[in-house]
Amino acid sequence: MWRILRSDAVAVLNDRLAKKSLSRYFAVMKNEKPAKFLIAKKLPVGFSEKDSVEELWQKHATLTQEFYRIEKEIDSGKRNFKEMRAPRESYLDLKIEIANRILSNCHFCT
């Protein structure tokens, strides 16, 4: 059904420029590479409810560099994603905690 309603979505699957500029996303779609959120779930981090938002952002900044390094290793075949263990707390959990803290102070949400 979506092919009828979104013919542009089907067309992009065969578009050479789209394949070139979105190569990683096409690889994820074909299960050749893991999605970024799955990599983020494997990157360990330690944080506490007592940490300030600023401290969480500092940890996030440090881990972002680590995330990109690991992503490159996985994409190049230097690291096996399937062999990576899921930590108790991950980079994704840190992102969720930061988002929850931001949203808890949102005037539109309360």
C-alpha atoms as a PDB file:
ATOM      1  CA  MET A   1       0.000   0.000   0.000  1.00  0.00           C
ATOM      2  CA  TRP A   2       2.770   2.469   0.888  1.00  0.00           C
ATOM      3  CA  ARG A   3       4.257   1.940  -2.579  1.00  0.00           C
ATOM      4  CA  ILE A   4       1.103   3.430  -4.069  1.00  0.00           C
ATOM      5  CA  LEU A   5       0.806   6.300  -1.612  1.00  0.00           C
ATOM      6  CA  ARG A   6       4.528   7.072  -1.530  1.00  0.00           C
ATOM      7  CA  SER A   7       5.870   6.344  -4.989  1.00  0.00           C
ATOM      8  CA  ASP A   8       8.674   8.827  -4.242  1.00  0.00           C
ATOM      9  CA  ALA A   9       9.820   6.507  -1.447  1.00  0.00           C
ATOM     10  CA  VAL A  10      10.124   3.650  -3.930  1.00  0.00           C
ATOM     11  CA  ALA A  11      11.895   5.828  -6.494  1.00  0.00           C
ATOM     12  CA  VAL A  12      14.597   6.858  -4.023  1.00  0.00           C
ATOM     13  CA  LEU A  13      15.551   3.213  -3.535  1.00  0.00           C
ATOM     14  CA  ASN A  14      16.878   3.180  -7.095  1.00  0.00           C
ATOM     15  CA  ASP A  15      18.266   6.710  -7.172  1.00  0.00           C
ATOM     16  CA  ARG A  16      22.053   6.655  -7.676  1.00  0.00           C
ATOM     17  CA  LEU A  17      22.627  10.004  -5.945  1.00  0.00           C
ATOM     18  CA  ALA A  18      20.535   8.948  -2.942  1.00  0.00           C
ATOM     19  CA  LYS A  19      22.450   5.677  -2.683  1.00  0.00           C
ATOM     20  CA  LYS A  20      25.726   7.575  -2.726  1.00  0.00           C
ATOM     21  CA  SER A  21      24.792  10.290  -0.232  1.00  0.00           C
ATOM     22  CA  LEU A  22      22.861   7.946   2.080  1.00  0.00           C
ATOM     23  CA  SER A  23      25.060   4.880   1.685  1.00  0.00           C
ATOM     24  CA  ARG A  24      25.125   3.999   5.377  1.00  0.00           C
ATOM     25  CA  TYR A  25      21.351   4.187   5.648  1.00  0.00           C
ATOM     26  CA  PHE A  26      20.967   1.912   2.640  1.00  0.00           C
ATOM     27  CA  ALA A  27      23.431  -0.519   4.260  1.00  0.00           C
ATOM     28  CA  VAL A  28      21.375  -0.464   7.477  1.00  0.00           C
ATOM     29  CA  MET A  29      18.209  -1.056   5.493  1.00  0.00           C
ATOM     30  CA  LYS A  30      19.821  -4.113   3.874  1.00  0.00           C
ATOM     31  CA  ASN A  31      21.115  -5.370   7.271  1.00  0.00           C
ATOM     32  CA  GLU A  32      24.716  -4.892   6.175  1.00  0.00           C
ATOM     33  CA  LYS A  33      25.472  -2.493   9.044  1.00  0.00           C
ATOM     34  CA  PRO A  34      23.857  -1.934  12.438  1.00  0.00           C
ATOM     35  CA  ALA A  35      21.695   1.121  13.024  1.00  0.00           C
ATOM     36  CA  LYS A  36      23.348   3.860  15.045  1.00  0.00           C
ATOM     37  CA  PHE A  37      20.983   3.432  17.985  1.00  0.00           C
ATOM     38  CA  LEU A  38      22.055  -0.214  18.236  1.00  0.00           C
ATOM     39  CA  ILE A  39      25.692   0.851  18.408  1.00  0.00           C
ATOM     40  CA  ALA A  40      24.762   3.440  21.045  1.00  0.00           C
ATOM     41  CA  LYS A  41      23.184   0.655  23.127  1.00  0.00           C
ATOM     42  CA  LYS A  42      26.553  -1.144  23.256  1.00  0.00           C
ATOM     43  CA  LEU A  43      28.704   1.810  24.331  1.00  0.00           C
ATOM     44  CA  PRO A  44      29.129   1.704  28.130  1.00  0.00           C
ATOM     45  CA  VAL A  45      28.819   4.771  30.323  1.00  0.00           C
ATOM     46  CA  GLY A  46      28.400   5.437  34.001  1.00  0.00           C
ATOM     47  CA  PHE A  47      26.145   8.154  35.321  1.00  0.00           C
ATOM     48  CA  SER A  48      23.954   8.831  38.312  1.00  0.00           C
ATOM     49  CA  GLU A  49      20.658  10.528  39.036  1.00  0.00           C
ATOM     50  CA  LYS A  50      22.740  12.889  41.164  1.00  0.00           C
ATOM     51  CA  ASP A  51      24.731  14.078  38.136  1.00  0.00           C
ATOM     52  CA  SER A  52      23.765  17.525  36.927  1.00  0.00           C
ATOM     53  CA  VAL A  53      22.564  18.059  33.374  1.00  0.00           C
ATOM     54  CA  GLU A  54      25.860  19.814  32.689  1.00  0.00           C
ATOM     55  CA  GLU A  55      27.798  16.755  33.881  1.00  0.00           C
ATOM     56  CA  LEU A  56      25.645  14.520  31.708  1.00  0.00           C
ATOM     57  CA  TRP A  57      26.315  16.746  28.690  1.00  0.00           C
ATOM     58  CA  GLN A  58      30.057  16.563  29.389  1.00  0.00           C
ATOM     59  CA  LYS A  59      29.916  12.772  29.441  1.00  0.00           C
ATOM     60  CA  HIS A  60      27.848  12.887  26.266  1.00  0.00           C
ATOM     61  CA  ALA A  61      30.442  15.044  24.501  1.00  0.00           C
ATOM     62  CA  THR A  62      33.233  12.657  25.443  1.00  0.00           C
ATOM     63  CA  LEU A  63      31.252   9.585  24.449  1.00  0.00           C
ATOM     64  CA  THR A  64      30.178  11.092  21.146  1.00  0.00           C
ATOM     65  CA  GLN A  65      33.780  11.005  19.970  1.00  0.00           C
ATOM     66  CA  GLU A  66      34.075   7.400  21.157  1.00  0.00           C
ATOM     67  CA  PHE A  67      30.813   6.530  19.407  1.00  0.00           C
ATOM     68  CA  TYR A  68      32.058   7.823  16.047  1.00  0.00           C
ATOM     69  CA  ARG A  69      35.340   5.953  16.451  1.00  0.00           C
ATOM     70  CA  ILE A  70      33.538   2.686  17.194  1.00  0.00           C
ATOM     71  CA  GLU A  71      31.060   3.256  14.369  1.00  0.00           C
ATOM     72  CA  LYS A  72      33.967   3.611  11.922  1.00  0.00           C
ATOM     73  CA  GLU A  73      35.575   0.448  13.283  1.00  0.00           C
ATOM     74  CA  ILE A  74      32.327  -1.476  12.833  1.00  0.00           C
ATOM     75  CA  ASP A  75      31.677  -0.066   9.371  1.00  0.00           C
ATOM     76  CA  SER A  76      35.214  -0.886   8.226  1.00  0.00           C
ATOM     77  CA  GLY A  77      35.074  -4.418   9.627  1.00  0.00           C
ATOM     78  CA  LYS A  78      37.762  -3.814  12.266  1.00  0.00           C
ATOM     79  CA  ARG A  79      35.254  -4.486  15.053  1.00  0.00           C
ATOM     80  CA  ASN A  80      32.523  -7.109  15.155  1.00  0.00           C
ATOM     81  CA  PHE A  81      29.291  -5.512  16.334  1.00  0.00           C
ATOM     82  CA  LYS A  82      27.719  -8.859  17.220  1.00  0.00           C
ATOM     83  CA  GLU A  83      30.539  -9.604  19.654  1.00  0.00           C
ATOM     84  CA  MET A  84      29.994  -6.382  21.588  1.00  0.00           C
ATOM     85  CA  ARG A  85      28.241  -6.866  24.918  1.00  0.00           C
ATOM     86  CA  ALA A  86      25.393  -4.679  26.100  1.00  0.00           C
ATOM     87  CA  PRO A  87      26.420  -2.733  29.220  1.00  0.00           C
ATOM     88  CA  ARG A  88      24.224  -2.002  32.214  1.00  0.00           C
ATOM     89  CA  GLU A  89      24.128   1.687  31.236  1.00  0.00           C
ATOM     90  CA  SER A  90      24.771   2.793  27.683  1.00  0.00           C
ATOM     91  CA  TYR A  91      25.322   5.891  25.597  1.00  0.00           C
ATOM     92  CA  LEU A  92      21.691   5.533  24.504  1.00  0.00           C
ATOM     93  CA  ASP A  93      20.585   5.478  28.157  1.00  0.00           C
ATOM     94  CA  LEU A  94      22.586   8.661  28.708  1.00  0.00           C
ATOM     95  CA  LYS A  95      20.816  10.320  25.781  1.00  0.00           C
ATOM     96  CA  ILE A  96      17.453   9.245  27.202  1.00  0.00           C
ATOM     97  CA  GLU A  97      18.358  10.612  30.637  1.00  0.00           C
ATOM     98  CA  ILE A  98      19.361  13.969  29.150  1.00  0.00           C
ATOM     99  CA  ALA A  99      16.138  14.116  27.126  1.00  0.00           C
ATOM    100  CA  ASN A 100      14.044  13.265  30.186  1.00  0.00           C
ATOM    101  CA  ARG A 101      15.754  15.982  32.213  1.00  0.00           C
ATOM    102  CA  ILE A 102      15.176  18.547  29.480  1.00  0.00           C
ATOM    103  CA  LEU A 103      11.537  17.538  29.074  1.00  0.00           C
ATOM    104  CA  SER A 104      10.901  17.570  32.817  1.00  0.00           C
ATOM    105  CA  ASN A 105      11.505  21.332  32.732  1.00  0.00           C
ATOM    106  CA  CYS A 106       9.472  21.931  29.591  1.00  0.00           C
ATOM    107  CA  HIS A 107       6.724  24.510  30.014  1.00  0.00           C
ATOM    108  CA  PHE A 108       4.783  23.036  27.099  1.00  0.00           C
ATOM    109  CA  CYS A 109       4.765  19.545  28.622  1.00  0.00           C
ATOM    110  CA  THR A 110       3.333  20.426  32.032  1.00  0.00           C
END
